[in-house]
Protein backbone atom coordinates (compact mmCIF):
# COMPACT_ATOMS: atom_id res chain seq x y z
CA MET A 1 -9.01 -14.58 7.72
CA THR A 2 -10.29 -13.06 10.96
CA ASP A 3 -8.32 -12.57 14.16
CA LEU A 4 -10.12 -15.65 15.53
CA THR A 5 -8.78 -17.89 12.77
CA PRO A 6 -5.86 -19.93 14.14
CA LEU A 7 -2.46 -19.16 12.68
CA PRO A 8 -0.17 -21.94 11.42
CA GLY A 9 1.91 -23.61 14.10
CA THR A 10 5.33 -22.76 12.65
CA LEU A 11 6.94 -19.57 11.42
CA ALA A 12 7.75 -21.08 8.03
CA ALA A 13 4.14 -22.11 7.46
CA ALA A 14 2.97 -18.67 8.59
CA ALA A 15 5.38 -17.08 6.11
CA VAL A 16 3.90 -19.19 3.31
CA LEU A 17 0.42 -18.10 4.39
CA VAL A 18 1.42 -14.46 3.83
CA LEU A 19 3.06 -15.30 0.51
CA THR A 20 -0.11 -17.01 -0.73
CA THR A 21 -2.37 -14.13 0.34
CA ALA A 22 -3.14 -11.83 -2.59
CA ASP A 23 -4.92 -8.90 -0.94
CA PRO A 24 -2.39 -6.27 0.21
CA ALA A 25 -4.45 -5.22 3.25
CA GLU A 26 -4.83 -8.82 4.40
CA LYS A 27 -1.14 -9.46 3.72
CA GLY A 28 -0.26 -6.59 6.05
CA HIS A 29 -2.77 -7.69 8.67
CA LEU A 30 -1.39 -11.23 8.67
CA THR A 31 2.15 -9.90 8.89
CA ARG A 32 1.34 -8.03 12.08
CA ARG A 33 -0.56 -10.98 13.60
CA ILE A 34 2.25 -13.42 12.87
CA ALA A 35 4.91 -11.06 14.17
CA ALA A 36 3.00 -10.63 17.43
CA ALA A 37 2.56 -14.42 17.74
CA TRP A 38 6.28 -14.96 17.13
CA THR A 39 7.19 -12.35 19.75
CA THR A 40 4.87 -13.78 22.43
CA GLY A 41 5.76 -17.40 21.72
CA GLU A 42 2.35 -18.36 20.35
CA ILE A 43 4.39 -19.40 17.32
CA ALA A 44 7.57 -20.89 18.77
CA GLU A 45 8.90 -23.28 16.13
CA ILE A 46 10.59 -22.27 12.89
CA GLY A 47 9.57 -25.45 11.07
CA THR A 48 9.76 -25.99 7.32
CA ALA A 49 7.37 -25.10 4.51
CA LEU A 50 7.84 -24.76 0.76
CA PRO A 51 7.32 -21.16 -0.36
CA PRO A 52 5.70 -20.52 -3.75
CA ASP A 53 7.90 -19.51 -6.68
CA ARG A 54 5.89 -16.29 -6.84
CA PRO A 55 3.72 -14.63 -4.21
CA ALA A 56 -0.01 -14.24 -4.72
CA ARG A 57 -0.93 -10.87 -6.17
CA PRO A 58 -4.18 -8.95 -6.67
CA GLU A 59 -5.56 -8.61 -10.20
CA ALA A 60 -4.20 -5.06 -10.35
CA PRO A 61 -1.71 -3.59 -10.92
CA LEU A 62 -0.78 -4.86 -14.35
CA LEU A 63 2.84 -6.05 -14.22
CA LEU A 64 5.09 -4.90 -17.05
CA PRO A 65 8.75 -5.50 -17.88
CA PRO A 66 10.87 -2.71 -16.32
CA ARG A 67 11.81 -1.33 -19.75
CA GLU A 68 8.13 -0.78 -20.60
CA MET A 69 7.33 1.20 -17.46
CA PRO A 70 6.54 4.93 -17.83
CA LYS A 71 9.21 7.18 -16.35
CA ARG A 72 8.66 8.09 -12.70
CA SER A 73 8.47 11.74 -11.74
CA THR A 74 8.49 13.80 -8.57
CA GLY A 75 6.48 16.48 -10.36
CA PRO A 76 2.88 17.41 -9.52
CA GLY A 77 -0.27 15.69 -10.72
CA LYS A 78 -0.12 12.26 -12.32
CA GLY A 79 3.68 12.16 -12.04
CA ARG A 80 3.52 12.50 -8.25
CA ALA A 81 0.92 9.75 -7.98
CA GLY A 82 3.04 7.62 -10.29
CA LEU A 83 6.04 7.97 -7.99
CA LEU A 84 4.01 7.02 -4.94
CA HIS A 85 2.44 4.05 -6.74
CA ALA A 86 5.84 2.75 -7.81
CA LEU A 87 7.19 3.07 -4.27
CA ALA A 88 4.12 1.35 -2.81
CA HIS A 89 4.66 -1.55 -5.20
CA ILE A 90 8.28 -1.84 -4.10
CA GLU A 91 7.21 -1.96 -0.46
CA LEU A 92 4.56 -4.62 -1.09
CA ASN A 93 7.20 -6.73 -2.79
CA ALA A 94 9.48 -6.10 0.17
CA VAL A 95 6.89 -7.60 2.54
CA ASP A 96 6.92 -10.78 0.49
CA LEU A 97 10.70 -10.78 0.18
CA ALA A 98 11.03 -10.72 3.96
CA TRP A 99 8.66 -13.67 4.40
CA ASP A 100 10.28 -15.51 1.50
CA ILE A 101 13.75 -15.33 3.06
CA ILE A 102 12.24 -16.75 6.26
CA ALA A 103 10.55 -19.72 4.57
CA ARG A 104 13.06 -20.46 1.81
CA PHE A 105 16.23 -21.07 3.79
CA THR A 106 15.03 -23.13 6.75
CA ASP A 107 17.26 -25.99 5.59
CA GLN A 108 20.21 -24.02 6.96
CA ALA A 109 21.23 -23.87 10.62
CA LEU A 110 20.31 -20.25 11.21
CA PRO A 111 19.85 -18.83 14.71
CA ARG A 112 16.57 -17.44 16.00
CA ALA A 113 18.01 -13.93 15.67
CA PHE A 114 17.95 -14.35 11.88
CA TYR A 115 14.20 -14.93 11.96
CA ASP A 116 13.69 -12.13 14.50
CA ASP A 117 15.37 -9.71 12.11
CA TRP A 118 13.34 -10.64 9.04
CA VAL A 119 10.02 -10.77 10.89
CA GLN A 120 10.69 -7.20 12.01
CA VAL A 121 11.64 -6.23 8.46
CA ALA A 122 8.34 -7.68 7.22
CA VAL A 123 6.38 -5.63 9.76
CA GLU A 124 8.16 -2.43 8.79
CA GLU A 125 7.73 -3.05 5.06
CA ALA A 126 3.99 -3.59 5.64
CA GLU A 127 3.87 -0.29 7.51
CA HIS A 128 5.66 1.39 4.61
CA PHE A 129 3.12 0.04 2.13
CA ASP A 130 0.22 1.29 4.27
CA LEU A 131 1.85 4.69 4.63
CA LEU A 132 2.44 5.09 0.90
CA GLU A 133 -0.98 3.76 -0.04
CA ALA A 134 -2.63 6.26 2.31
CA THR A 135 -0.51 9.05 0.85
CA LEU A 136 -1.40 7.91 -2.67
CA ARG A 137 -5.10 8.30 -1.85
CA ARG A 138 -4.45 11.97 -1.09
CA TYR A 139 -3.79 12.26 -4.83
CA ASP A 140 -7.12 10.61 -5.72
CA SER A 141 -5.41 7.38 -6.66
CA PHE A 142 -4.86 3.94 -5.13
CA TYR A 143 -2.58 0.94 -5.37
CA GLY A 144 -3.44 -0.94 -8.55
CA ALA A 145 -4.49 2.14 -10.51
CA MET A 146 -1.28 2.12 -12.58
CA PRO A 147 1.01 -0.56 -14.00
CA ALA A 148 4.00 -1.75 -12.01
CA HIS A 149 7.14 -3.69 -12.87
CA ASP A 150 8.22 -7.14 -11.74
CA GLY A 151 11.94 -6.49 -11.37
CA LEU A 152 12.14 -7.08 -7.63
CA TRP A 153 10.58 -10.52 -7.77
CA GLN A 154 12.74 -11.44 -10.74
CA ALA A 155 15.71 -10.75 -8.47
CA ALA A 156 14.16 -13.02 -5.85
CA GLU A 157 13.75 -15.85 -8.37
CA LYS A 158 17.36 -15.55 -9.49
CA THR A 159 18.63 -15.83 -5.90
CA ALA A 160 16.23 -18.48 -4.56
CA HIS A 161 18.99 -21.11 -4.51
CA ASP A 162 21.49 -19.34 -2.24
CA LEU A 163 21.06 -17.26 0.91
CA ALA A 164 24.28 -15.35 0.24
CA ALA A 165 23.04 -14.41 -3.23
CA ARG A 166 19.70 -13.25 -1.83
CA LEU A 167 21.39 -11.09 0.83
CA ALA A 168 23.82 -9.63 -1.69
CA VAL A 169 21.20 -8.67 -4.25
CA VAL A 170 18.15 -7.68 -2.22
CA PRO A 171 19.05 -5.87 1.03
CA MET A 172 22.68 -5.10 0.22
CA THR A 173 22.18 -3.84 -3.35
CA LEU A 174 18.56 -3.03 -4.17
CA GLU A 175 17.63 -1.67 -0.73
CA ALA A 176 21.01 0.01 -0.36
CA ARG A 177 20.38 1.76 -3.66
CA GLY A 178 17.30 3.27 -2.05
CA LEU A 179 19.56 4.83 0.57
CA ASP A 180 21.54 6.43 -2.26
CA THR A 181 18.55 7.89 -4.12
CA THR A 182 16.05 8.85 -1.43
CA PRO A 183 17.79 12.02 -0.13
CA SER A 184 17.69 13.73 -3.53
CA THR A 185 14.04 12.74 -4.00
CA VAL A 186 13.20 14.14 -0.56
CA GLU A 187 15.04 17.36 -1.38
CA ARG A 188 13.03 17.87 -4.58
CA LEU A 189 9.72 17.09 -2.89
CA ARG A 190 10.45 19.39 0.02
CA ALA A 191 11.22 22.21 -2.41
CA GLN A 192 7.75 21.60 -3.92
CA GLY A 193 6.10 21.85 -0.50
CA GLU A 194 5.18 18.15 -0.31
CA GLU A 195 5.77 17.73 3.40
CA VAL A 196 3.34 14.80 3.78
CA VAL A 197 5.19 12.80 1.15
CA VAL A 198 8.53 13.85 2.61
CA ALA A 199 7.48 12.65 6.08
CA ALA A 200 6.53 9.24 4.68
CA LEU A 201 9.82 8.88 2.80
CA GLU A 202 11.83 9.87 5.86
CA VAL A 203 10.18 7.11 7.91
CA ILE A 204 10.96 4.59 5.19
CA TYR A 205 14.55 5.83 4.80
CA ALA A 206 15.30 5.39 8.50
CA ASP A 207 13.92 1.85 8.48
CA GLU A 208 15.76 0.90 5.31
CA ILE A 209 19.08 1.63 7.01
CA LYS A 210 18.14 -1.10 9.50
CA HIS A 211 17.18 -3.47 6.69
CA VAL A 212 20.49 -2.99 4.90
CA ALA A 213 22.19 -3.55 8.25
CA ALA A 214 20.37 -6.88 8.58
CA GLY A 215 21.63 -7.88 5.16
CA VAL A 216 25.22 -7.02 6.07
CA ARG A 217 24.95 -8.76 9.45
CA TRP A 218 23.73 -12.03 7.95
CA MET A 219 26.18 -11.86 5.06
CA ARG A 220 28.92 -11.80 7.68
CA HIS A 221 27.32 -14.79 9.38
CA VAL A 222 27.03 -16.80 6.16
CA ALA A 223 30.61 -15.95 5.20
CA ALA A 224 31.85 -17.12 8.60
CA GLU A 225 29.90 -20.37 8.23
CA ARG A 226 31.46 -20.91 4.80
CA GLY A 227 34.94 -19.97 6.00
CA THR A 228 35.32 -17.08 3.60
CA ASP A 229 35.70 -13.30 3.69
CA PRO A 230 32.35 -11.46 3.64
CA ALA A 231 33.56 -8.79 1.24
CA ALA A 232 34.78 -11.44 -1.17
CA LEU A 233 31.51 -13.36 -0.84
CA TYR A 234 29.48 -10.21 -1.52
CA ALA A 235 31.61 -9.45 -4.59
CA ALA A 236 31.23 -12.98 -5.94
CA MET A 237 27.46 -13.03 -5.43
CA LEU A 238 26.99 -9.58 -6.93
CA THR A 239 29.08 -10.35 -9.99
CA ALA A 240 27.19 -13.59 -10.58
CA HIS A 241 23.65 -12.38 -9.91
CA PHE A 242 23.52 -8.63 -10.54
CA PRO A 243 25.17 -8.07 -13.94
CA GLY A 244 23.62 -4.61 -14.30
CA GLY A 245 26.29 -3.33 -11.94
CA LEU A 246 26.42 -0.86 -9.08
CA LYS A 247 25.76 2.81 -9.66
CA ALA A 248 27.68 5.61 -7.99
CA PRO A 249 27.49 7.98 -6.21
CA PHE A 250 26.83 6.18 -2.94
CA ASN A 251 25.31 7.57 0.24
CA GLU A 252 28.28 6.50 2.32
CA PRO A 253 27.06 8.04 5.62
CA ALA A 254 23.82 6.02 5.47
CA ARG A 255 25.65 2.90 4.38
CA ASP A 256 28.12 3.43 7.23
CA GLN A 257 25.17 3.57 9.64
CA ALA A 258 24.11 0.20 8.27
CA GLY A 259 27.59 -1.20 8.94
CA PHE A 260 28.21 -1.59 5.21
CA PRO A 261 31.91 -0.84 4.59
CA ALA A 262 32.68 1.22 1.51
CA ALA A 263 35.58 -1.13 0.81
CA TRP A 264 33.03 -3.86 0.01
CA TYR A 265 31.18 -2.01 -2.73
CA THR A 266 33.22 0.86 -4.17
CA PRO A 267 35.66 -1.45 -6.01
CA LEU A 268 32.74 -3.26 -7.64
CA VAL A 269 31.33 -0.41 -9.71
CA LYS A 270 33.87 -0.77 -12.49
CA THR A 271 34.42 -4.52 -12.01
CA VAL A 272 30.76 -5.49 -12.23
CA GLN A 273 29.99 -3.12 -15.09
CA GLU A 274 32.92 -4.46 -17.08
CA SER A 275 31.77 -8.05 -16.54
CA ALA A 276 28.19 -7.33 -17.65
């Protein structure tokens, strides 16, 4: 699709267009075009459109079950490229997750601000993918050169029926976990002199705080609409849809920046693990 090709007339249909685009570069290009059109009012209606069960994907990378994936490393050589490839795959999935949440829940009376938030998340996730893919090429590799796992989209499939479940599992658990683990990864890479990789991860880390914040913000909204407590709703959704449990320690300062109260998640470590 060129820049002269008309975009769909609604945001939901535009989201489905991204989800059905396999090429990562084109997916990112469309994301930026649609976001600009939404901002300027070229796309003004939210509309409705049925998203696919799974997004289109390029022929590579080969997708493996998480348990069959080789262990990631922050060490030099192939291990470093493997880390970057795994992170790039996560970010490409995150682009699709942002568009999926836009298209999948249009049957609910959500305000425009909801869509504003997730369009911006999609743009930032596309930027993250581009940044990591460019960094990966510095190691004579590229996205698709190694296998990747399908765990993130499996989480999307399990939460496709309920916006609260999606918010609980994706931004508030999986992305929040990234806030917990990134600082130690950055510390190791900095000690190895990998300042280019560190700079990329620091950009992503700052944006992910905003993405977790969006998850918390809309969990509060959904809880208010359902007449329930947001902490209780998060706990119920997590227990039902994330049986693997939460892992401590938590990066509480970053989670605090995202407006994610420790009282919501610290009691769940033992509770969820015991119920698994």
